[in-house]
Protein backbone atom coordinates (compact mmCIF):
# COMPACT_ATOMS: atom_id res chain seq x y z
CA UNK A 1 6.82 21.71 21.64
CA UNK A 2 6.12 18.87 19.81
CA UNK A 3 4.50 15.45 22.09
CA UNK A 4 6.48 13.18 21.72
CA UNK A 5 4.85 9.78 21.26
CA UNK A 6 5.55 7.26 24.04
CA UNK A 7 7.57 4.28 22.62
CA UNK A 8 6.82 0.68 22.99
CA UNK A 9 9.91 -1.53 24.73
CA UNK A 10 13.08 -1.53 21.72
CA UNK A 11 14.37 -4.57 20.18
CA UNK A 12 17.99 -4.77 22.18
CA UNK A 13 21.14 -7.13 22.78
CA UNK A 14 23.87 -7.20 25.40
CA UNK A 15 27.18 -7.76 24.11
CA UNK A 16 30.44 -6.98 24.41
CA UNK A 17 31.63 -3.13 23.66
CA UNK A 18 34.55 -3.52 22.00
CA UNK A 19 36.60 -1.86 18.57
CA UNK A 20 34.63 -2.61 15.45
CA UNK A 21 37.18 -4.42 12.81
CA UNK A 22 35.15 -4.36 9.90
CA UNK A 23 35.77 -2.05 6.76
CA UNK A 24 33.95 1.52 7.07
CA UNK A 25 32.79 1.08 10.30
CA UNK A 26 32.89 3.31 13.13
CA UNK A 27 32.90 3.23 17.21
CA UNK A 28 32.23 6.68 19.20
CA UNK A 29 32.51 6.92 22.40
CA UNK A 30 29.91 9.97 23.63
CA UNK A 31 30.45 11.77 27.12
CA UNK A 32 28.40 10.63 29.56
CA UNK A 33 27.57 13.53 31.95
CA UNK A 34 27.53 12.24 35.89
CA UNK A 35 26.34 13.60 39.11
CA UNK A 36 28.51 13.54 41.77
CA UNK A 37 26.13 14.90 43.89
CA UNK A 38 23.59 11.88 43.20
CA UNK A 39 26.87 9.67 43.38
CA UNK A 40 27.79 10.46 46.78
CA UNK A 41 24.50 9.81 48.32
CA UNK A 42 24.07 6.56 46.94
CA UNK A 43 27.77 5.84 48.26
CA UNK A 44 26.82 7.06 51.36
CA UNK A 45 23.69 4.73 51.83
CA UNK A 46 25.46 2.05 50.23
CA UNK A 47 28.05 2.05 52.80
CA UNK A 48 25.39 2.14 55.55
CA UNK A 49 24.48 -0.81 54.22
CA UNK A 50 27.52 -2.23 53.55
CA UNK A 51 28.88 -2.24 57.19
CA UNK A 52 26.34 -4.41 59.36
CA UNK A 53 26.57 -7.25 55.92
CA UNK A 54 30.27 -7.26 56.40
CA UNK A 55 29.55 -7.93 60.13
CA UNK A 56 27.02 -10.53 59.40
CA UNK A 57 29.52 -11.97 57.48
CA UNK A 58 32.35 -12.24 59.85
CA UNK A 59 30.23 -13.63 62.10
CA UNK A 60 28.35 -16.32 59.68
CA UNK A 61 31.93 -17.15 58.40
CA UNK A 62 33.26 -18.08 61.78
CA UNK A 63 30.10 -19.58 62.65
CA UNK A 64 29.93 -22.24 59.67
CA UNK A 65 33.85 -22.69 60.67
CA UNK A 66 32.89 -24.11 64.03
CA UNK A 67 29.47 -25.99 63.94
CA UNK A 68 29.01 -28.58 66.25
CA UNK A 69 24.99 -28.81 67.49
CA UNK A 70 21.83 -27.82 66.16
CA UNK A 71 22.05 -24.71 68.33
CA UNK A 72 25.31 -23.63 65.81
CA UNK A 73 23.32 -24.88 63.23
CA UNK A 74 20.29 -22.65 63.58
CA UNK A 75 21.89 -20.18 64.41
CA UNK A 76 24.85 -19.73 61.53
CA UNK A 77 21.49 -20.85 58.97
CA UNK A 78 19.44 -17.56 60.54
CA UNK A 79 22.48 -15.28 60.32
CA UNK A 80 23.40 -16.64 56.66
CA UNK A 81 19.60 -15.78 56.08
CA UNK A 82 19.17 -12.55 56.91
CA UNK A 83 22.66 -11.80 55.33
CA UNK A 84 21.50 -13.11 52.51
CA UNK A 85 18.05 -11.33 52.71
CA UNK A 86 20.03 -8.30 53.62
CA UNK A 87 22.91 -8.02 50.80
CA UNK A 88 20.53 -7.60 48.20
CA UNK A 89 20.05 -3.77 49.20
CA UNK A 90 23.57 -3.18 49.14
CA UNK A 91 24.35 -5.30 45.95
CA UNK A 92 22.48 -3.32 44.25
CA UNK A 93 23.50 0.36 45.26
CA UNK A 94 26.78 -1.16 44.56
CA UNK A 95 25.78 -1.69 40.80
CA UNK A 96 24.06 1.30 40.37
CA UNK A 97 27.44 2.57 41.64
CA UNK A 98 29.30 1.33 39.35
CA UNK A 99 27.63 2.21 36.85
CA UNK A 100 27.25 5.74 37.83
CA UNK A 101 30.86 6.16 37.94
CA UNK A 102 32.00 3.69 34.94
CA UNK A 103 28.99 3.96 32.92
CA UNK A 104 28.94 5.60 29.05
CA UNK A 105 27.35 5.78 26.15
CA UNK A 106 28.96 4.40 22.47
CA UNK A 107 27.56 5.15 19.10
CA UNK A 108 28.80 2.31 16.09
CA UNK A 109 27.61 2.30 13.03
CA UNK A 110 28.62 0.71 9.30
CA UNK A 111 26.91 0.35 6.02
CA UNK A 112 23.06 0.13 6.83
CA UNK A 113 23.27 -0.05 10.24
CA UNK A 114 23.67 1.84 13.20
CA UNK A 115 23.18 0.88 17.31
CA UNK A 116 23.49 3.29 20.63
CA UNK A 117 24.91 1.20 23.56
CA UNK A 118 25.19 2.28 26.97
CA UNK A 119 26.33 -0.09 29.75
CA UNK A 120 30.24 -0.56 31.16
CA UNK A 121 33.88 -0.23 29.32
CA UNK A 122 33.54 -3.57 27.67
CA UNK A 123 30.06 -4.77 27.81
CA UNK A 124 26.47 -2.93 26.88
CA UNK A 125 23.27 -3.11 26.30
CA UNK A 126 22.71 -1.84 22.43
CA UNK A 127 19.37 -0.33 21.06
CA UNK A 128 19.82 -0.85 16.79
CA UNK A 129 18.32 1.89 14.67
CA UNK A 130 17.97 1.91 10.84
CA UNK A 131 20.02 5.04 9.78
CA UNK A 132 17.34 5.17 7.04
CA UNK A 133 14.28 6.03 9.04
CA UNK A 134 16.14 8.49 11.26
CA UNK A 135 16.32 12.57 10.60
CA UNK A 136 16.37 15.72 11.82
CA UNK A 137 19.85 14.89 14.09
CA UNK A 138 20.54 18.01 16.49
CA UNK A 139 21.29 19.39 20.00
CA UNK A 140 18.57 19.50 22.69
CA UNK A 141 19.26 21.78 25.73
CA UNK A 142 16.08 19.60 27.84
CA UNK A 143 13.86 21.45 30.54
CA UNK A 144 15.45 21.37 34.22
CA UNK A 145 12.38 19.45 35.61
CA UNK A 146 12.95 16.40 32.66
CA UNK A 147 14.08 12.92 32.58
CA UNK A 148 16.69 14.16 30.20
CA UNK A 149 17.88 16.71 31.88
CA UNK A 150 20.76 14.93 33.74
CA UNK A 151 22.53 14.74 30.48
CA UNK A 152 22.82 18.69 29.35
CA UNK A 153 23.00 19.91 26.18
CA UNK A 154 23.06 16.14 24.35
CA UNK A 155 22.33 14.62 20.60
CA UNK A 156 18.76 13.58 19.98
CA UNK A 157 17.04 12.85 16.41
CA UNK A 158 13.98 11.39 15.36
CA UNK A 159 12.98 7.97 14.02
CA UNK A 160 9.53 8.14 13.22
CA UNK A 161 6.74 9.41 15.39
CA UNK A 162 9.78 9.01 18.22
CA UNK A 163 12.73 11.08 19.61
CA UNK A 164 15.72 9.26 20.71
CA UNK A 165 18.38 11.12 23.25
CA UNK A 166 21.29 10.01 23.73
CA UNK A 167 24.90 12.00 24.62
CA UNK A 168 25.46 14.45 27.52
CA UNK A 169 27.09 17.82 27.06
CA UNK A 170 27.55 17.92 23.56
CA UNK A 171 28.74 21.23 21.70
CA UNK A 172 27.97 21.86 17.82
CA UNK A 173 31.71 21.25 16.82
CA UNK A 174 31.06 17.49 18.42
CA UNK A 175 27.63 17.34 16.43
CA UNK A 176 29.01 18.16 12.95
CA UNK A 177 31.91 15.74 13.04
CA UNK A 178 29.44 12.80 14.47
CA UNK A 179 27.34 13.73 11.61
CA UNK A 180 29.87 13.38 9.27
CA UNK A 181 30.67 10.47 10.37
CA UNK A 182 27.48 8.40 10.62
CA UNK A 183 27.11 9.77 7.02
CA UNK A 184 29.80 8.22 5.68
CA UNK A 185 29.45 4.52 7.56
CA UNK A 186 25.86 3.99 7.39
CA UNK A 187 26.20 5.33 3.46
CA UNK A 188 23.06 7.32 4.54
CA UNK A 189 22.42 10.99 4.56
CA UNK A 190 20.65 12.10 7.20
CA UNK A 191 17.32 13.80 6.20
CA UNK A 192 15.53 16.82 7.92
CA UNK A 193 11.90 17.53 8.14
CA UNK A 194 8.76 15.47 9.02
CA UNK A 195 8.32 11.67 9.03
CA UNK A 196 6.26 9.57 6.02
CA UNK A 197 3.10 8.09 6.59
CA UNK A 198 4.04 4.63 6.38
CA UNK A 199 6.99 5.57 8.54
CA UNK A 200 4.26 6.35 11.42
CA UNK A 201 1.46 3.95 10.09
CA UNK A 202 4.19 1.46 10.69
CA UNK A 203 4.91 2.80 14.59
CA UNK A 204 1.34 2.55 15.44
CA UNK A 205 0.66 -0.73 14.15
CA UNK A 206 4.35 -1.50 16.20
CA UNK A 207 2.68 -0.11 19.48
CA UNK A 208 -0.49 -1.96 18.86
CA UNK A 209 0.93 -4.56 18.90
CA UNK A 210 2.79 -3.95 21.86
CA UNK A 211 -0.15 -3.48 23.83
CA UNK A 212 -1.86 -6.74 22.54
CA UNK A 213 1.16 -8.29 24.23
CA UNK A 214 0.79 -6.63 27.66
CA UNK A 215 -2.65 -7.13 28.06
CA UNK A 216 -2.75 -10.96 26.96
CA UNK A 217 0.24 -11.50 29.70
CA UNK A 218 -2.38 -9.71 32.01
CA UNK A 219 -5.31 -11.79 31.05
CA UNK A 220 -5.31 -15.70 32.20
CA UNK A 221 -3.90 -16.74 29.11
CA UNK A 222 -2.69 -15.02 25.86
CA UNK A 223 -3.84 -15.45 22.57
CA UNK A 224 -2.45 -19.02 21.36
CA UNK A 225 -3.51 -20.52 25.24
CA UNK A 226 -7.05 -18.85 24.78
CA UNK A 227 -7.15 -20.74 21.43
CA UNK A 228 -6.81 -23.82 23.56
CA UNK A 229 -8.70 -23.47 26.14
CA UNK A 230 -11.98 -22.45 24.26
CA UNK A 231 -11.29 -25.93 22.78
CA UNK A 232 -12.08 -27.73 25.68
CA UNK A 233 -14.20 -27.42 28.64
CA UNK A 234 -12.97 -25.99 32.02
CA UNK A 235 -13.93 -29.33 34.31
CA UNK A 236 -15.07 -27.59 37.88
CA UNK A 237 -13.17 -27.93 40.92
CA UNK A 238 -12.95 -31.37 42.26
CA UNK A 239 -11.20 -33.12 45.06
CA UNK A 240 -9.90 -35.77 42.90
CA UNK A 241 -7.90 -34.49 40.43
CA UNK A 242 -4.38 -36.20 39.82
CA UNK A 243 -2.72 -33.42 41.95
CA UNK A 244 -4.46 -33.72 44.53
CA UNK A 245 -5.40 -37.36 44.85
CA UNK A 246 -0.98 -37.97 44.88
CA UNK A 247 -0.78 -35.01 47.85
CA UNK A 248 -3.41 -36.91 49.47
CA UNK A 249 -1.56 -40.18 49.08
CA UNK A 250 1.64 -38.70 49.96
CA UNK A 251 0.37 -37.16 53.19
CA UNK A 252 -1.12 -41.14 53.95
CA UNK A 253 2.58 -42.84 53.86
CA UNK A 254 2.98 -41.36 57.20
CA UNK A 255 0.29 -43.54 58.44
CA UNK A 256 1.78 -46.64 57.01
CA UNK A 257 4.78 -45.25 58.81
CA UNK A 258 3.07 -45.66 62.38
CA UNK A 259 1.52 -48.95 61.45
CA UNK A 260 4.41 -50.71 59.95
CA UNK A 261 7.50 -49.08 61.26
CA UNK A 262 6.95 -47.36 64.19
CA UNK A 263 6.82 -43.47 63.91
CA UNK A 264 6.02 -41.11 66.53
CA UNK A 265 4.72 -37.90 66.55
CA UNK A 266 7.98 -36.23 66.70
CA UNK A 267 8.78 -37.77 62.68
CA UNK A 268 5.59 -36.79 61.27
CA UNK A 269 5.99 -33.10 62.46
CA UNK A 270 10.14 -33.29 61.23
CA UNK A 271 8.65 -34.74 58.14
CA UNK A 272 5.95 -31.83 57.28
CA UNK A 273 8.64 -29.36 58.39
CA UNK A 274 10.69 -30.64 55.68
CA UNK A 275 7.85 -29.75 53.33
CA UNK A 276 7.51 -26.68 53.87
CA UNK A 277 11.34 -26.41 52.31
CA UNK A 278 9.78 -28.49 49.63
CA UNK A 279 7.34 -25.66 49.37
CA UNK A 280 9.57 -23.58 49.29
CA UNK A 281 11.96 -24.53 46.97
CA UNK A 282 9.09 -24.62 44.77
CA UNK A 283 8.22 -21.29 45.05
CA UNK A 284 11.41 -20.14 44.69
CA UNK A 285 10.66 -21.65 40.94
CA UNK A 286 7.42 -19.97 40.44
CA UNK A 287 9.07 -16.89 41.55
CA UNK A 288 11.38 -17.19 38.57
CA UNK A 289 8.80 -18.25 35.78
CA UNK A 290 6.69 -14.69 37.04
CA UNK A 291 9.77 -12.25 37.20
CA UNK A 292 12.50 -14.16 35.19
CA UNK A 293 15.91 -12.62 35.21
CA UNK A 294 14.35 -10.47 38.37
CA UNK A 295 14.17 -13.42 40.54
CA UNK A 296 17.83 -12.79 40.61
CA UNK A 297 17.24 -9.56 43.02
CA UNK A 298 13.64 -11.06 44.81
CA UNK A 299 15.03 -14.72 44.85
CA UNK A 300 17.55 -14.07 47.40
CA UNK A 301 15.25 -11.72 49.22
CA UNK A 302 12.66 -14.52 49.59
CA UNK A 303 15.41 -17.15 50.42
CA UNK A 304 16.52 -15.30 53.02
CA UNK A 305 13.42 -14.53 55.16
CA UNK A 306 12.47 -18.01 54.69
CA UNK A 307 15.44 -19.70 55.34
CA UNK A 308 15.29 -17.33 58.88
CA UNK A 309 11.81 -18.83 58.92
CA UNK A 310 12.45 -22.21 58.85
CA UNK A 311 15.51 -22.51 60.81
CA UNK A 312 13.68 -21.44 64.10
CA UNK A 313 10.91 -23.23 63.39
CA UNK A 314 12.90 -26.12 63.32
CA UNK A 315 14.35 -25.03 66.21
CA UNK A 316 10.58 -24.70 68.13
CA UNK A 317 9.81 -28.15 66.88
CA UNK A 318 13.10 -30.07 67.63
CA UNK A 319 13.03 -28.78 71.18
CA UNK A 320 9.13 -29.15 72.14
CA UNK A 321 8.85 -33.22 69.84
CA UNK A 322 11.67 -34.71 69.27
CA UNK A 323 14.45 -33.89 72.67
CA UNK A 324 12.62 -31.23 74.58
CA UNK A 325 14.60 -28.38 76.18
CA UNK A 326 15.04 -29.73 79.58
CA UNK A 327 17.22 -32.75 77.89
CA UNK A 328 20.03 -31.79 75.64
CA UNK A 329 17.94 -30.70 72.67
CA UNK A 330 19.17 -28.30 70.85
CA UNK A 331 22.83 -29.19 71.60
CA UNK A 332 22.34 -32.65 70.19
CA UNK A 333 25.30 -33.39 67.54
CA UNK A 334 24.14 -32.34 63.76
CA UNK A 335 25.13 -36.52 62.99
CA UNK A 336 22.03 -37.00 65.74
CA UNK A 337 19.77 -34.71 63.88
CA UNK A 338 20.63 -35.41 60.26
CA UNK A 339 19.21 -39.46 61.56
CA UNK A 340 16.14 -38.09 62.14
CA UNK A 341 15.41 -37.96 58.17
CA UNK A 342 16.54 -40.89 57.16
CA UNK A 343 13.68 -43.27 57.51
CA UNK A 344 11.20 -40.50 56.44
CA UNK A 345 12.91 -40.23 52.54
CA UNK A 346 10.03 -42.35 51.06
CA UNK A 347 7.36 -40.21 52.66
CA UNK A 348 9.48 -37.19 51.95
CA UNK A 349 10.10 -38.16 47.93
CA UNK A 350 6.16 -38.68 47.77
CA UNK A 351 5.54 -35.24 49.08
CA UNK A 352 8.49 -33.79 46.74
CA UNK A 353 6.61 -35.67 43.60
CA UNK A 354 3.17 -34.61 44.59
CA UNK A 355 4.21 -30.51 44.84
CA UNK A 356 6.07 -30.80 41.89
CA UNK A 357 2.85 -32.66 39.53
CA UNK A 358 1.05 -29.49 40.85
CA UNK A 359 3.58 -27.36 40.23
CA UNK A 360 4.29 -28.76 36.57
CA UNK A 361 0.77 -29.34 35.33
CA UNK A 362 -1.00 -26.47 37.27
CA UNK A 363 1.85 -23.93 37.63
CA UNK A 364 2.95 -24.29 34.55
CA UNK A 365 0.45 -26.26 32.31
CA UNK A 366 -2.62 -24.89 33.07
CA UNK A 367 -0.85 -20.87 33.38
CA UNK A 368 -1.39 -20.17 36.57
CA UNK A 369 1.88 -17.90 36.54
CA UNK A 370 -0.51 -15.66 34.24
CA UNK A 371 -2.23 -12.59 36.44
CA UNK A 372 0.03 -13.08 38.94
CA UNK A 373 2.51 -10.74 40.92
CA UNK A 374 5.81 -11.38 42.79
CA UNK A 375 4.53 -9.87 45.79
CA UNK A 376 1.49 -12.37 45.72
CA UNK A 377 3.90 -15.19 44.95
CA UNK A 378 6.25 -14.55 47.55
CA UNK A 379 3.88 -14.29 50.58
CA UNK A 380 1.70 -17.20 49.16
CA UNK A 381 3.67 -20.05 51.27
CA UNK A 382 3.43 -18.62 54.65
CA UNK A 383 -0.72 -18.52 54.74
CA UNK A 384 -0.50 -22.68 54.20
CA UNK A 385 2.49 -22.77 56.33
CA UNK A 386 1.06 -21.41 59.26
CA UNK A 387 -2.20 -22.59 59.20
CA UNK A 388 -0.55 -26.62 58.36
CA UNK A 389 1.85 -25.70 61.73
CA UNK A 390 -1.55 -24.44 63.75
CA UNK A 391 -2.69 -27.75 63.06
CA UNK A 392 0.75 -29.95 64.28
CA UNK A 393 1.12 -28.02 67.12
CA UNK A 394 -2.60 -28.29 68.44
CA UNK A 395 -1.78 -32.07 67.54
CA UNK A 396 1.08 -31.65 69.38
CA UNK A 397 -0.56 -30.40 72.16
CA UNK A 398 -2.89 -32.77 72.37
CA UNK A 399 -0.50 -35.82 72.15
CA UNK A 400 1.73 -33.65 75.23
CA UNK A 401 -1.79 -34.39 77.09
CA UNK A 402 -2.53 -37.70 76.00
CA UNK A 403 1.00 -39.57 75.12
CA UNK A 404 2.30 -39.99 71.90
CA UNK A 405 -0.17 -42.58 70.94
CA UNK A 406 -1.34 -43.56 67.27
CA UNK A 407 -4.75 -42.39 67.15
CA UNK A 408 -3.45 -38.27 67.95
CA UNK A 409 -0.85 -38.85 65.43
CA UNK A 410 -4.27 -40.15 62.66
CA UNK A 411 -5.86 -36.80 63.94
CA UNK A 412 -2.75 -35.12 62.79
CA UNK A 413 -2.35 -36.54 60.01
CA UNK A 414 -6.53 -36.36 58.87
CA UNK A 415 -6.15 -32.64 59.76
CA UNK A 416 -3.42 -31.66 57.55
CA UNK A 417 -4.32 -33.66 54.49
CA UNK A 418 -8.20 -31.79 55.40
CA UNK A 419 -6.03 -28.27 55.34
CA UNK A 420 -3.74 -29.38 52.45
CA UNK A 421 -6.72 -30.12 50.31
CA UNK A 422 -8.56 -26.86 51.35
CA UNK A 423 -5.60 -24.76 50.19
CA UNK A 424 -4.72 -26.82 47.26
CA UNK A 425 -7.96 -26.61 45.64
CA UNK A 426 -8.23 -22.50 46.88
CA UNK A 427 -4.94 -22.13 44.37
CA UNK A 428 -6.74 -23.56 41.72
CA UNK A 429 -10.34 -21.03 42.81
CA UNK A 430 -8.29 -18.07 43.03
CA UNK A 431 -6.62 -18.52 39.42
CA UNK A 432 -10.06 -19.64 37.95
CA UNK A 433 -11.23 -16.09 39.40
CA UNK A 434 -8.30 -14.26 37.76
CA UNK A 435 -9.05 -15.62 34.37
CA UNK A 436 -13.09 -14.86 34.58
CA UNK A 437 -12.40 -11.63 35.90
CA UNK A 438 -9.87 -10.63 32.90
CA UNK A 439 -12.69 -11.81 30.32
CA UNK A 440 -11.53 -15.10 29.08
CA UNK A 441 -12.39 -18.57 30.09
CA UNK A 442 -10.88 -19.79 33.15
CA UNK A 443 -8.34 -22.87 32.90
CA UNK A 444 -9.48 -26.20 33.51
CA UNK A 445 -7.62 -27.75 37.05
CA UNK A 446 -5.60 -30.75 36.97
């Protein structure tokens, strides 16, 4: 049996599947075999996920309608975040179920062109082929455990050194009909025999280029970026880069708040909690760059568990440092809770700009997204936030012993700055280590 070459990812387009109006063109809906056993299993698993999701949705909807206190808000945010993270699985399963129930393959062809689409009625992913390169259109009976076994006896043709499979459960008469219609529409007689040397060389070159692109994405910089990186010397890490200085400056604003506007330790705690939300926002942006459109799956999961973490953490900070659980505390009105953030906006804006500058200059400008996995990026905020809040809790405990005094606030801010700088520079060092391990020049930091 001739071994099939591994085909690099083909070009494709996503478009509407509708009858071809142009003269001489054809559109053939191919049989699409369905496994009712697999469909039944997926339906059962989907139902198992949907039942608790529907219950959580009803609970969250009712809670959003009667929001009154911080306890209500925390509860509904936690429930909604859980629902968002949980819903990823049933959404994927439901989409897969719809595709398996209604999906189909379509063969479209016209003068000098041919494409095969797979998708839903009215919408499909189309892969184009050059009919002049195609040969050996035939019926294929796949092996029992092969990747195309679900198709049954189907059609295939050769494109250079690659075998292209399509259709399901097609008999000899249907093959004859499809061959005739294809040759008439494309104006090309589908040939028999082996690929030419030129066709094999072209595909080998295309596969080599595709492999080079994959390797470039795994390294610390793509080929054009490497040329730029070699043109400049990588500066050593320092605590005086622009993004680091801005981070320090943003963290010093609470000192002015304590000195000029009478901020308490509780104000600093709430401010740094809000900064965690800023970190989460930019982490979601980083995930979108790394994962691209797949962030539609990973993003809701991250927002779900991170949102639940933030909701519980704010309840802890509010109850311990703002009002105390012995008083009204978590039962305070939402207007009173919102009023906590109003005087903090200058510091919060500065922290947002600081993290934004680091995102654009380091993560995007210095291409720190290269070599990073979505799993690494999803977990990155937690180590920094947990360590940061350990420092804040230590300062809060000290304040409870000594009183809400200025020196305690200053100590908390200093410790927070040290933690932030260490975490900020550690991210830069980790990226440089990835670049050096890949055999490339490390990116310069900023």
